[in-house]
Amino acid sequence: MRYDIVRKIFEGGMGIVYEAEQHGARNFVKRVAIKIIRQHYAKQKQFIDNFIGEARLVADLIHTNIVQTYHLGHANDVYFIAMEFIRGVNLEQFSRHMRDKNRLLAVEMAVFIASRVARGLAYAHAKLDKDGHPLGIVHRDVSFKNIMIAMEGDVKLTDFGIAKARGFLTDNEGEVVAGKADFMSPEQADFKITDKRSDLFSVGVVLASLLLGFNVFKANTPEESRKRILTLPIPDFRQLDPRIDDRLNEILHRALNRDLQRRYPDAAELLYDLEHYIYHAGYGPTNETLGKMIRELFGENPHLAAAAAKGGTHVLERAARSTQISGNP
């Protein structure tokens, strides 16, 4: 098996994602995404161990609302993960495009997107190991950058790189803050131990941000955003957007409740309330209607992330162009 790098898709704090072609026997070609550790972290044992742990964890998460992992490989002293390639955009790109066009997302569509994220989380949170024991997965980085929308309208949660799960990743929770400051839960912001309810607060932030067109917790610095997560009074969203009715305001307040005992206990219950909200009266949003909207906004071939990508050619990219990559496990 070999991979040919096509282009850089996304550059994050610790990793880079490329679009690539996977080649097999008899001219078999499959478009995939390749994720690698940034060169700065590629020699650090903890980052390598967690990168491998992420691949092992996500390999068995097979769900329509989670980006699927195909293969963990090693080439030119670099570990890489081959993943499902999503022809689409992430929510950060999507929301920026909506702002540029001075458009607000329809309430039902915002709730639909959040419901698909909750659906993926309900599956991940309930995942058992091979012996039937709960894995205790907490994503810890549910945010605009880690939620993809495909051109076909599928919503996909990605990047379990800082997730916690029993037996897969080294975790120093309580000593460091993990996640994006303006999307994290109060427990994360306050250096406390998290459980699945932490992800549900983040879904609440995602939903509120989609509805309003801005994140009420976002400040000028990560430290200020964390302080807002911990102390900002949760607003009456009906006052911020008259489209938000009493029921949706209640859902947002329950998802964003700082009291864990009053927050949604699990993603399945949040999913039920979100789906009931958009479907109780009859027909509501679907993947097809979301896909139609995305194609109208971005066209059939969005390359926003590639056009905005910065940085030099990585060792893996250079190796791919000169020798092609053999994907050895």
C-alpha atoms as a PDB file:
ATOM      1  CA  MET A   1       0.000   0.000   0.000  1.00  0.00           C
ATOM      2  CA  ARG A   2       1.311   3.462  -0.811  1.00  0.00           C
ATOM      3  CA  TYR A   3       0.061   7.035  -0.536  1.00  0.00           C
ATOM      4  CA  ASP A   4       0.663  10.011  -2.807  1.00  0.00           C
ATOM      5  CA  ILE A   5       0.217  13.428  -1.188  1.00  0.00           C
ATOM      6  CA  VAL A   6      -2.080  15.708  -3.209  1.00  0.00           C
ATOM      7  CA  ARG A   7      -2.299  18.871  -1.089  1.00  0.00           C
ATOM      8  CA  LYS A   8      -2.309  20.223   2.424  1.00  0.00           C
ATOM      9  CA  ILE A   9      -5.832  20.464   3.877  1.00  0.00           C
ATOM     10  CA  PHE A  10      -5.356  21.795   7.374  1.00  0.00           C
ATOM     11  CA  GLU A  11      -2.648  22.813   9.815  1.00  0.00           C
ATOM     12  CA  GLY A  12      -3.352  22.675  13.529  1.00  0.00           C
ATOM     13  CA  GLY A  13      -1.333  23.249  16.650  1.00  0.00           C
ATOM     14  CA  MET A  14       0.213  19.777  16.786  1.00  0.00           C
ATOM     15  CA  GLY A  15      -0.732  18.125  13.502  1.00  0.00           C
ATOM     16  CA  ILE A  16      -1.073  18.563   9.753  1.00  0.00           C
ATOM     17  CA  VAL A  17      -3.684  16.912   7.532  1.00  0.00           C
ATOM     18  CA  TYR A  18      -3.127  16.216   3.844  1.00  0.00           C
ATOM     19  CA  GLU A  19      -5.344  14.991   1.065  1.00  0.00           C
ATOM     20  CA  ALA A  20      -3.754  11.902  -0.477  1.00  0.00           C
ATOM     21  CA  GLU A  21      -4.350   9.035  -2.872  1.00  0.00           C
ATOM     22  CA  GLN A  22      -4.126   5.489  -1.558  1.00  0.00           C
ATOM     23  CA  HIS A  23      -2.909   3.075  -4.248  1.00  0.00           C
ATOM     24  CA  GLY A  24      -3.498  -0.648  -4.286  1.00  0.00           C
ATOM     25  CA  ALA A  25      -3.419  -3.577  -6.695  1.00  0.00           C
ATOM     26  CA  ARG A  26      -4.648  -3.262 -10.312  1.00  0.00           C
ATOM     27  CA  ASN A  27      -4.816   0.532 -10.397  1.00  0.00           C
ATOM     28  CA  PHE A  28      -6.961   0.739  -7.270  1.00  0.00           C
ATOM     29  CA  VAL A  29      -7.047   4.366  -6.060  1.00  0.00           C
ATOM     30  CA  LYS A  30      -8.901   5.760  -3.046  1.00  0.00           C
ATOM     31  CA  ARG A  31      -8.923   9.375  -1.867  1.00  0.00           C
ATOM     32  CA  VAL A  32      -8.015   9.600   1.836  1.00  0.00           C
ATOM     33  CA  ALA A  33      -6.832  12.123   4.405  1.00  0.00           C
ATOM     34  CA  ILE A  34      -3.400  11.676   5.978  1.00  0.00           C
ATOM     35  CA  LYS A  35      -2.741  13.076   9.448  1.00  0.00           C
ATOM     36  CA  ILE A  36       0.778  13.468  10.808  1.00  0.00           C
ATOM     37  CA  ILE A  37       2.398  14.993  13.904  1.00  0.00           C
ATOM     38  CA  ARG A  38       4.142  18.294  13.372  1.00  0.00           C
ATOM     39  CA  GLN A  39       7.904  17.881  13.056  1.00  0.00           C
ATOM     40  CA  HIS A  40       8.442  19.798  16.313  1.00  0.00           C
ATOM     41  CA  TYR A  41       6.566  17.088  18.249  1.00  0.00           C
ATOM     42  CA  ALA A  42       7.500  14.057  16.136  1.00  0.00           C
ATOM     43  CA  LYS A  43      10.454  13.084  18.366  1.00  0.00           C
ATOM     44  CA  GLN A  44       8.629  13.449  21.683  1.00  0.00           C
ATOM     45  CA  LYS A  45       7.567  10.106  23.107  1.00  0.00           C
ATOM     46  CA  GLN A  46       4.349  11.286  24.760  1.00  0.00           C
ATOM     47  CA  PHE A  47       3.063  12.857  21.539  1.00  0.00           C
ATOM     48  CA  ILE A  48       3.950   9.751  19.540  1.00  0.00           C
ATOM     49  CA  ASP A  49       2.298   7.463  22.103  1.00  0.00           C
ATOM     50  CA  ASN A  50      -0.867   9.579  22.110  1.00  0.00           C
ATOM     51  CA  PHE A  51      -0.911   9.767  18.324  1.00  0.00           C
ATOM     52  CA  ILE A  52      -0.753   5.967  18.150  1.00  0.00           C
ATOM     53  CA  GLY A  53      -3.338   5.760  20.938  1.00  0.00           C
ATOM     54  CA  GLU A  54      -5.682   8.034  18.979  1.00  0.00           C
ATOM     55  CA  ALA A  55      -5.382   5.787  15.914  1.00  0.00           C
ATOM     56  CA  ARG A  56      -6.067   2.635  17.935  1.00  0.00           C
ATOM     57  CA  LEU A  57      -9.020   4.249  19.708  1.00  0.00           C
ATOM     58  CA  VAL A  58     -10.727   5.685  16.635  1.00  0.00           C
ATOM     59  CA  ALA A  59     -10.109   2.619  14.460  1.00  0.00           C
ATOM     60  CA  ASP A  60     -13.095   0.916  16.059  1.00  0.00           C
ATOM     61  CA  LEU A  61     -15.363   3.973  16.093  1.00  0.00           C
ATOM     62  CA  ILE A  62     -17.457   3.231  13.019  1.00  0.00           C
ATOM     63  CA  HIS A  63     -20.340   5.660  12.816  1.00  0.00           C
ATOM     64  CA  THR A  64     -21.782   7.911  10.139  1.00  0.00           C
ATOM     65  CA  ASN A  65     -21.186  11.021  12.284  1.00  0.00           C
ATOM     66  CA  ILE A  66     -17.534  10.260  13.098  1.00  0.00           C
ATOM     67  CA  VAL A  67     -14.659  10.483  10.618  1.00  0.00           C
ATOM     68  CA  GLN A  68     -13.437   6.928  10.127  1.00  0.00           C
ATOM     69  CA  THR A  69      -9.817   5.812  10.545  1.00  0.00           C
ATOM     70  CA  TYR A  70      -8.426   3.269   8.061  1.00  0.00           C
ATOM     71  CA  HIS A  71      -4.756   2.738   8.812  1.00  0.00           C
ATOM     72  CA  LEU A  72      -1.811   3.626  11.073  1.00  0.00           C
ATOM     73  CA  GLY A  73       1.478   3.725   9.204  1.00  0.00           C
ATOM     74  CA  HIS A  74       5.126   4.638   9.621  1.00  0.00           C
ATOM     75  CA  ALA A  75       7.372   6.087   6.908  1.00  0.00           C
ATOM     76  CA  ASN A  76      10.551   8.182   6.909  1.00  0.00           C
ATOM     77  CA  ASP A  77      10.559   8.190  10.732  1.00  0.00           C
ATOM     78  CA  VAL A  78       7.069   9.725  10.775  1.00  0.00           C
ATOM     79  CA  TYR A  79       3.873   8.074  12.020  1.00  0.00           C
ATOM     80  CA  PHE A  80       0.738   8.854  10.056  1.00  0.00           C
ATOM     81  CA  ILE A  81      -2.964   8.037  10.199  1.00  0.00           C
ATOM     82  CA  ALA A  82      -4.963   7.397   7.022  1.00  0.00           C
ATOM     83  CA  MET A  83      -8.542   8.571   7.501  1.00  0.00           C
ATOM     84  CA  GLU A  84     -11.794   9.070   5.659  1.00  0.00           C
ATOM     85  CA  PHE A  85     -11.476  12.035   3.301  1.00  0.00           C
ATOM     86  CA  ILE A  86     -14.326  14.508   3.729  1.00  0.00           C
ATOM     87  CA  ARG A  87     -15.010  16.618   0.662  1.00  0.00           C
ATOM     88  CA  GLY A  88     -16.401  19.588   2.501  1.00  0.00           C
ATOM     89  CA  VAL A  89     -15.681  22.266   5.088  1.00  0.00           C
ATOM     90  CA  ASN A  90     -15.397  22.526   8.846  1.00  0.00           C
ATOM     91  CA  LEU A  91     -17.781  24.660  10.891  1.00  0.00           C
ATOM     92  CA  GLU A  92     -15.198  27.413  11.323  1.00  0.00           C
ATOM     93  CA  GLN A  93     -14.919  27.819   7.554  1.00  0.00           C
ATOM     94  CA  PHE A  94     -18.682  27.515   7.219  1.00  0.00           C
ATOM     95  CA  SER A  95     -19.467  30.149   9.872  1.00  0.00           C
ATOM     96  CA  ARG A  96     -16.850  32.544   8.480  1.00  0.00           C
ATOM     97  CA  HIS A  97     -18.401  32.204   5.029  1.00  0.00           C
ATOM     98  CA  MET A  98     -21.860  32.872   6.451  1.00  0.00           C
ATOM     99  CA  ARG A  99     -20.585  36.026   8.184  1.00  0.00           C
ATOM    100  CA  ASP A 100     -18.888  37.204   5.004  1.00  0.00           C
ATOM    101  CA  LYS A 101     -22.208  36.862   3.196  1.00  0.00           C
ATOM    102  CA  ASN A 102     -24.057  38.522   6.094  1.00  0.00           C
ATOM    103  CA  ARG A 103     -26.273  35.467   6.522  1.00  0.00           C
ATOM    104  CA  LEU A 104     -27.687  33.788   9.611  1.00  0.00           C
ATOM    105  CA  LEU A 105     -28.131  30.034   9.672  1.00  0.00           C
ATOM    106  CA  ALA A 106     -31.756  28.893   9.900  1.00  0.00           C
ATOM    107  CA  VAL A 107     -32.667  27.781  13.418  1.00  0.00           C
ATOM    108  CA  GLU A 108     -33.740  24.296  12.318  1.00  0.00           C
ATOM    109  CA  MET A 109     -30.485  23.773  10.403  1.00  0.00           C
ATOM    110  CA  ALA A 110     -28.371  24.853  13.381  1.00  0.00           C
ATOM    111  CA  VAL A 111     -30.248  22.410  15.622  1.00  0.00           C
ATOM    112  CA  PHE A 112     -29.870  19.674  12.989  1.00  0.00           C
ATOM    113  CA  ILE A 113     -26.083  20.107  12.845  1.00  0.00           C
ATOM    114  CA  ALA A 114     -25.834  20.018  16.655  1.00  0.00           C
ATOM    115  CA  SER A 115     -28.050  16.921  16.752  1.00  0.00           C
ATOM    116  CA  ARG A 116     -25.701  15.051  14.408  1.00  0.00           C
ATOM    117  CA  VAL A 117     -22.756  15.922  16.655  1.00  0.00           C
ATOM    118  CA  ALA A 118     -24.736  14.663  19.657  1.00  0.00           C
ATOM    119  CA  ARG A 119     -25.522  11.498  17.711  1.00  0.00           C
ATOM    120  CA  GLY A 120     -21.822  10.798  17.105  1.00  0.00           C
ATOM    121  CA  LEU A 121     -21.004  11.519  20.739  1.00  0.00           C
ATOM    122  CA  ALA A 122     -23.792   9.232  21.995  1.00  0.00           C
ATOM    123  CA  TYR A 123     -22.148   6.401  20.062  1.00  0.00           C
ATOM    124  CA  ALA A 124     -18.598   7.235  21.204  1.00  0.00           C
ATOM    125  CA  HIS A 125     -19.574   7.709  24.859  1.00  0.00           C
ATOM    126  CA  ALA A 126     -21.321   4.324  24.928  1.00  0.00           C
ATOM    127  CA  LYS A 127     -18.472   2.429  23.219  1.00  0.00           C
ATOM    128  CA  LEU A 128     -17.276  -0.740  24.959  1.00  0.00           C
ATOM    129  CA  ASP A 129     -13.941  -2.518  24.709  1.00  0.00           C
ATOM    130  CA  LYS A 130     -13.603  -6.091  23.431  1.00  0.00           C
ATOM    131  CA  ASP A 131     -14.359  -7.413  26.916  1.00  0.00           C
ATOM    132  CA  GLY A 132     -17.571  -5.410  27.218  1.00  0.00           C
ATOM    133  CA  HIS A 133     -16.239  -2.731  29.570  1.00  0.00           C
ATOM    134  CA  PRO A 134     -16.975   0.976  28.945  1.00  0.00           C
ATOM    135  CA  LEU A 135     -14.080   2.829  27.340  1.00  0.00           C
ATOM    136  CA  GLY A 136     -15.083   6.066  29.035  1.00  0.00           C
ATOM    137  CA  ILE A 137     -14.402   8.156  25.943  1.00  0.00           C
ATOM    138  CA  VAL A 138     -14.552  11.937  26.363  1.00  0.00           C
ATOM    139  CA  HIS A 139     -13.681  13.857  23.189  1.00  0.00           C
ATOM    140  CA  ARG A 140     -12.657  17.076  25.042  1.00  0.00           C
ATOM    141  CA  ASP A 141     -12.291  19.101  21.829  1.00  0.00           C
ATOM    142  CA  VAL A 142     -15.795  19.438  20.366  1.00  0.00           C
ATOM    143  CA  SER A 143     -15.417  22.728  18.482  1.00  0.00           C
ATOM    144  CA  PHE A 144     -16.007  24.368  15.118  1.00  0.00           C
ATOM    145  CA  LYS A 145     -12.652  23.200  13.732  1.00  0.00           C
ATOM    146  CA  ASN A 146     -13.386  19.567  14.592  1.00  0.00           C
ATOM    147  CA  ILE A 147     -16.849  19.328  13.045  1.00  0.00           C
ATOM    148  CA  MET A 148     -16.964  18.713   9.299  1.00  0.00           C
ATOM    149  CA  ILE A 149     -19.840  19.095   6.867  1.00  0.00           C
ATOM    150  CA  ALA A 150     -19.505  17.083   3.671  1.00  0.00           C
ATOM    151  CA  MET A 151     -20.798  18.312   0.353  1.00  0.00           C
ATOM    152  CA  GLU A 152     -23.450  15.602   0.633  1.00  0.00           C
ATOM    153  CA  GLY A 153     -24.616  17.055   3.966  1.00  0.00           C
ATOM    154  CA  ASP A 154     -23.122  14.512   6.360  1.00  0.00           C
ATOM    155  CA  VAL A 155     -21.942  16.036   9.656  1.00  0.00           C
ATOM    156  CA  LYS A 156     -18.763  14.390  10.985  1.00  0.00           C
ATOM    157  CA  LEU A 157     -16.944  14.755  14.285  1.00  0.00           C
ATOM    158  CA  THR A 158     -13.186  14.431  13.914  1.00  0.00           C
ATOM    159  CA  ASP A 159      -9.872  14.722  15.789  1.00  0.00           C
ATOM    160  CA  PHE A 160      -9.881  12.556  18.907  1.00  0.00           C
ATOM    161  CA  GLY A 161      -6.257  13.609  19.467  1.00  0.00           C
ATOM    162  CA  ILE A 162      -6.832  14.888  23.008  1.00  0.00           C
ATOM    163  CA  ALA A 163      -9.668  12.526  23.869  1.00  0.00           C
ATOM    164  CA  LYS A 164      -9.459  10.506  27.051  1.00  0.00           C
ATOM    165  CA  ALA A 165     -10.285   6.833  27.039  1.00  0.00           C
ATOM    166  CA  ARG A 166      -9.265   4.035  29.359  1.00  0.00           C
ATOM    167  CA  GLY A 167      -6.092   2.314  28.196  1.00  0.00           C
ATOM    168  CA  PHE A 168      -5.493   4.308  25.003  1.00  0.00           C
ATOM    169  CA  LEU A 169      -4.019   7.730  25.706  1.00  0.00           C
ATOM    170  CA  THR A 170      -1.692   9.161  28.334  1.00  0.00           C
ATOM    171  CA  ASP A 171      -3.705  11.656  30.334  1.00  0.00           C
ATOM    172  CA  ASN A 172      -2.594  14.371  32.738  1.00  0.00           C
ATOM    173  CA  GLU A 173      -6.032  15.842  33.269  1.00  0.00           C
ATOM    174  CA  GLY A 174      -6.183  18.134  36.269  1.00  0.00           C
ATOM    175  CA  GLU A 175      -2.644  19.363  35.610  1.00  0.00           C
ATOM    176  CA  VAL A 176      -3.055  20.943  32.168  1.00  0.00           C
ATOM    177  CA  VAL A 177      -5.947  22.386  30.191  1.00  0.00           C
ATOM    178  CA  ALA A 178      -6.939  20.437  27.052  1.00  0.00           C
ATOM    179  CA  GLY A 179      -9.217  21.806  24.350  1.00  0.00           C
ATOM    180  CA  LYS A 180     -10.059  25.108  22.684  1.00  0.00           C
ATOM    181  CA  ALA A 181     -10.717  27.748  25.328  1.00  0.00           C
ATOM    182  CA  ASP A 182     -13.925  29.204  23.902  1.00  0.00           C
ATOM    183  CA  PHE A 183     -15.568  25.779  23.434  1.00  0.00           C
ATOM    184  CA  MET A 184     -14.416  23.916  26.537  1.00  0.00           C
ATOM    185  CA  SER A 185     -16.567  23.020  29.509  1.00  0.00           C
ATOM    186  CA  PRO A 186     -16.238  24.730  32.908  1.00  0.00           C
ATOM    187  CA  GLU A 187     -14.615  21.545  34.224  1.00  0.00           C
ATOM    188  CA  GLN A 188     -11.913  21.742  31.569  1.00  0.00           C
ATOM    189  CA  ALA A 189     -11.398  25.467  32.107  1.00  0.00           C
ATOM    190  CA  ASP A 190     -11.031  24.888  35.867  1.00  0.00           C
ATOM    191  CA  PHE A 191      -8.509  22.013  35.618  1.00  0.00           C
ATOM    192  CA  LYS A 192     -11.037  19.468  36.873  1.00  0.00           C
ATOM    193  CA  ILE A 193     -11.646  15.856  35.868  1.00  0.00           C
ATOM    194  CA  THR A 194     -14.146  15.524  33.015  1.00  0.00           C
ATOM    195  CA  ASP A 195     -16.710  12.967  31.990  1.00  0.00           C
ATOM    196  CA  LYS A 196     -19.062  12.697  29.000  1.00  0.00           C
ATOM    197  CA  ARG A 197     -21.123  15.644  30.240  1.00  0.00           C
ATOM    198  CA  SER A 198     -18.176  17.908  29.438  1.00  0.00           C
ATOM    199  CA  ASP A 199     -18.667  17.225  25.721  1.00  0.00           C
ATOM    200  CA  LEU A 200     -22.340  18.155  26.024  1.00  0.00           C
ATOM    201  CA  PHE A 201     -21.488  21.633  27.302  1.00  0.00           C
ATOM    202  CA  SER A 202     -19.288  22.013  24.211  1.00  0.00           C
ATOM    203  CA  VAL A 203     -22.198  20.947  21.990  1.00  0.00           C
ATOM    204  CA  GLY A 204     -24.224  23.685  23.678  1.00  0.00           C
ATOM    205  CA  VAL A 205     -21.532  26.234  22.774  1.00  0.00           C
ATOM    206  CA  VAL A 206     -21.513  24.956  19.186  1.00  0.00           C
ATOM    207  CA  LEU A 207     -25.296  25.247  18.904  1.00  0.00           C
ATOM    208  CA  ALA A 208     -25.446  28.722  20.462  1.00  0.00           C
ATOM    209  CA  SER A 209     -22.651  29.926  18.172  1.00  0.00           C
ATOM    210  CA  LEU A 210     -24.375  28.553  15.075  1.00  0.00           C
ATOM    211  CA  LEU A 211     -27.618  30.274  16.031  1.00  0.00           C
ATOM    212  CA  LEU A 212     -26.158  33.659  16.971  1.00  0.00           C
ATOM    213  CA  GLY A 213     -23.361  33.825  14.413  1.00  0.00           C
ATOM    214  CA  PHE A 214     -20.800  34.392  17.197  1.00  0.00           C
ATOM    215  CA  ASN A 215     -19.477  32.659  20.311  1.00  0.00           C
ATOM    216  CA  VAL A 216     -20.564  34.429  23.515  1.00  0.00           C
ATOM    217  CA  PHE A 217     -17.557  32.974  25.372  1.00  0.00           C
ATOM    218  CA  LYS A 218     -14.877  34.008  22.885  1.00  0.00           C
ATOM    219  CA  ALA A 219     -12.526  36.745  24.135  1.00  0.00           C
ATOM    220  CA  ASN A 220      -9.245  38.248  22.980  1.00  0.00           C
ATOM    221  CA  THR A 221      -7.070  35.614  24.667  1.00  0.00           C
ATOM    222  CA  PRO A 222      -7.534  31.959  25.677  1.00  0.00           C
ATOM    223  CA  GLU A 223      -7.202  32.974  29.332  1.00  0.00           C
ATOM    224  CA  GLU A 224     -10.015  35.494  28.994  1.00  0.00           C
ATOM    225  CA  SER A 225     -12.163  32.942  27.150  1.00  0.00           C
ATOM    226  CA  ARG A 226     -11.629  30.425  29.959  1.00  0.00           C
ATOM    227  CA  LYS A 227     -12.661  33.056  32.489  1.00  0.00           C
ATOM    228  CA  ARG A 228     -15.845  33.734  30.529  1.00  0.00           C
ATOM    229  CA  ILE A 229     -16.579  29.992  30.397  1.00  0.00           C
ATOM    230  CA  LEU A 230     -16.314  29.937  34.206  1.00  0.00           C
ATOM    231  CA  THR A 231     -18.052  33.189  35.137  1.00  0.00           C
ATOM    232  CA  LEU A 232     -20.139  34.689  32.330  1.00  0.00           C
ATOM    233  CA  PRO A 233     -23.850  34.548  33.177  1.00  0.00           C
ATOM    234  CA  ILE A 234     -25.502  32.251  30.640  1.00  0.00           C
ATOM    235  CA  PRO A 235     -27.684  34.677  28.673  1.00  0.00           C
ATOM    236  CA  ASP A 236     -31.344  34.474  27.869  1.00  0.00           C
ATOM    237  CA  PHE A 237     -30.838  33.550  24.239  1.00  0.00           C
ATOM    238  CA  ARG A 238     -34.308  34.805  23.375  1.00  0.00           C
ATOM    239  CA  GLN A 239     -33.009  38.304  24.083  1.00  0.00           C
ATOM    240  CA  LEU A 240     -30.044  37.812  21.739  1.00  0.00           C
ATOM    241  CA  ASP A 241     -32.044  36.314  18.875  1.00  0.00           C
ATOM    242  CA  PRO A 242     -35.851  36.564  18.694  1.00  0.00           C
ATOM    243  CA  ARG A 243     -35.915  33.444  16.497  1.00  0.00           C
ATOM    244  CA  ILE A 244     -35.004  31.383  19.582  1.00  0.00           C
ATOM    245  CA  ASP A 245     -38.193  30.274  21.335  1.00  0.00           C
ATOM    246  CA  ASP A 246     -38.795  29.152  24.913  1.00  0.00           C
ATOM    247  CA  ARG A 247     -38.135  25.459  24.238  1.00  0.00           C
ATOM    248  CA  LEU A 248     -34.847  25.996  22.409  1.00  0.00           C
ATOM    249  CA  ASN A 249     -33.735  28.428  25.111  1.00  0.00           C
ATOM    250  CA  GLU A 250     -34.412  25.694  27.686  1.00  0.00           C
ATOM    251  CA  ILE A 251     -32.345  23.167  25.710  1.00  0.00           C
ATOM    252  CA  LEU A 252     -29.429  25.608  25.468  1.00  0.00           C
ATOM    253  CA  HIS A 253     -29.560  26.409  29.178  1.00  0.00           C
ATOM    254  CA  ARG A 254     -29.624  22.755  30.156  1.00  0.00           C
ATOM    255  CA  ALA A 255     -26.677  21.927  27.879  1.00  0.00           C
ATOM    256  CA  LEU A 256     -24.750  24.950  29.200  1.00  0.00           C
ATOM    257  CA  ASN A 257     -25.548  24.440  32.871  1.00  0.00           C
ATOM    258  CA  ARG A 258     -22.390  24.684  34.982  1.00  0.00           C
ATOM    259  CA  ASP A 259     -23.987  22.414  37.587  1.00  0.00           C
ATOM    260  CA  LEU A 260     -23.229  18.895  36.345  1.00  0.00           C
ATOM    261  CA  GLN A 261     -26.295  17.510  38.096  1.00  0.00           C
ATOM    262  CA  ARG A 262     -28.541  19.850  36.113  1.00  0.00           C
ATOM    263  CA  ARG A 263     -26.801  19.471  32.767  1.00  0.00           C
ATOM    264  CA  TYR A 264     -27.882  16.778  30.278  1.00  0.00           C
ATOM    265  CA  PRO A 265     -26.718  13.442  31.730  1.00  0.00           C
ATOM    266  CA  ASP A 266     -25.837  11.930  28.361  1.00  0.00           C
ATOM    267  CA  ALA A 267     -25.721  12.689  24.646  1.00  0.00           C
ATOM    268  CA  ALA A 268     -28.686  10.422  23.904  1.00  0.00           C
ATOM    269  CA  GLU A 269     -31.026  12.622  25.962  1.00  0.00           C
ATOM    270  CA  LEU A 270     -29.674  15.791  24.335  1.00  0.00           C
ATOM    271  CA  LEU A 271     -30.083  14.151  20.922  1.00  0.00           C
ATOM    272  CA  TYR A 272     -33.715  13.289  21.704  1.00  0.00           C
ATOM    273  CA  ASP A 273     -34.548  16.862  22.668  1.00  0.00           C
ATOM    274  CA  LEU A 274     -32.808  18.333  19.617  1.00  0.00           C
ATOM    275  CA  GLU A 275     -34.500  15.932  17.207  1.00  0.00           C
ATOM    276  CA  HIS A 276     -37.887  16.348  18.862  1.00  0.00           C
ATOM    277  CA  TYR A 277     -37.492  20.108  18.488  1.00  0.00           C
ATOM    278  CA  ILE A 278     -36.987  19.997  14.728  1.00  0.00           C
ATOM    279  CA  TYR A 279     -39.179  17.006  13.846  1.00  0.00           C
ATOM    280  CA  HIS A 280     -42.116  17.007  16.296  1.00  0.00           C
ATOM    281  CA  ALA A 281     -44.316  18.991  13.914  1.00  0.00           C
ATOM    282  CA  GLY A 282     -43.455  16.904  10.861  1.00  0.00           C
ATOM    283  CA  TYR A 283     -40.814  17.264   8.156  1.00  0.00           C
ATOM    284  CA  GLY A 284     -37.480  18.823   9.128  1.00  0.00           C
ATOM    285  CA  PRO A 285     -33.861  19.197   7.948  1.00  0.00           C
ATOM    286  CA  THR A 286     -32.004  16.250   6.395  1.00  0.00           C
ATOM    287  CA  ASN A 287     -28.509  15.530   5.131  1.00  0.00           C
ATOM    288  CA  GLU A 288     -29.797  16.309   1.658  1.00  0.00           C
ATOM    289  CA  THR A 289     -31.105  19.772   2.561  1.00  0.00           C
ATOM    290  CA  LEU A 290     -27.874  20.603   4.410  1.00  0.00           C
ATOM    291  CA  GLY A 291     -25.814  19.302   1.481  1.00  0.00           C
ATOM    292  CA  LYS A 292     -27.771  21.464  -0.966  1.00  0.00           C
ATOM    293  CA  MET A 293     -27.062  24.510   1.196  1.00  0.00           C
ATOM    294  CA  ILE A 294     -23.327  23.744   1.443  1.00  0.00           C
ATOM    295  CA  ARG A 295     -23.012  23.278  -2.315  1.00  0.00           C
ATOM    296  CA  GLU A 296     -24.836  26.547  -2.938  1.00  0.00           C
ATOM    297  CA  LEU A 297     -22.479  28.344  -0.561  1.00  0.00           C
ATOM    298  CA  PHE A 298     -19.171  26.806  -1.589  1.00  0.00           C
ATOM    299  CA  GLY A 299     -19.656  25.170  -4.965  1.00  0.00           C
ATOM    300  CA  GLU A 300     -18.857  21.570  -5.756  1.00  0.00           C
ATOM    301  CA  ASN A 301     -15.079  21.720  -5.102  1.00  0.00           C
ATOM    302  CA  PRO A 302     -14.251  23.678  -1.946  1.00  0.00           C
ATOM    303  CA  HIS A 303     -10.522  24.100  -1.361  1.00  0.00           C
ATOM    304  CA  LEU A 304     -10.731  26.791   1.315  1.00  0.00           C
ATOM    305  CA  ALA A 305      -8.384  25.138   3.760  1.00  0.00           C
ATOM    306  CA  ALA A 306      -5.758  24.396   1.116  1.00  0.00           C
ATOM    307  CA  ALA A 307      -5.824  27.966  -0.178  1.00  0.00           C
ATOM    308  CA  ALA A 308      -5.341  29.300   3.349  1.00  0.00           C
ATOM    309  CA  ALA A 309      -2.723  26.763   4.425  1.00  0.00           C
ATOM    310  CA  LYS A 310       0.622  28.176   5.506  1.00  0.00           C
ATOM    311  CA  GLY A 311       4.013  26.703   6.207  1.00  0.00           C
ATOM    312  CA  GLY A 312       6.748  24.914   4.317  1.00  0.00           C
ATOM    313  CA  THR A 313       6.827  21.474   2.775  1.00  0.00           C
ATOM    314  CA  HIS A 314       6.922  18.813   5.458  1.00  0.00           C
ATOM    315  CA  VAL A 315       9.286  15.852   5.464  1.00  0.00           C
ATOM    316  CA  LEU A 316       6.394  13.480   4.699  1.00  0.00           C
ATOM    317  CA  GLU A 317       5.271  15.624   1.754  1.00  0.00           C
ATOM    318  CA  ARG A 318       8.816  15.743   0.364  1.00  0.00           C
ATOM    319  CA  ALA A 319       9.176  11.993   0.736  1.00  0.00           C
ATOM    320  CA  ALA A 320       5.833  11.411  -0.958  1.00  0.00           C
ATOM    321  CA  ARG A 321       6.789  13.426  -4.003  1.00  0.00           C
ATOM    322  CA  SER A 322      10.154  11.777  -4.394  1.00  0.00           C
ATOM    323  CA  THR A 323       9.606   8.170  -3.405  1.00  0.00           C
ATOM    324  CA  GLN A 324       5.902   7.676  -2.587  1.00  0.00           C
ATOM    325  CA  ILE A 325       4.911   6.486   0.871  1.00  0.00           C
ATOM    326  CA  SER A 326       4.623   2.853   1.811  1.00  0.00           C
ATOM    327  CA  GLY A 327       1.954   2.534   4.470  1.00  0.00           C
ATOM    328  CA  ASN A 328       3.428  -0.100   6.759  1.00  0.00           C
ATOM    329  CA  PRO A 329       1.595  -0.800  10.013  1.00  0.00           C
END
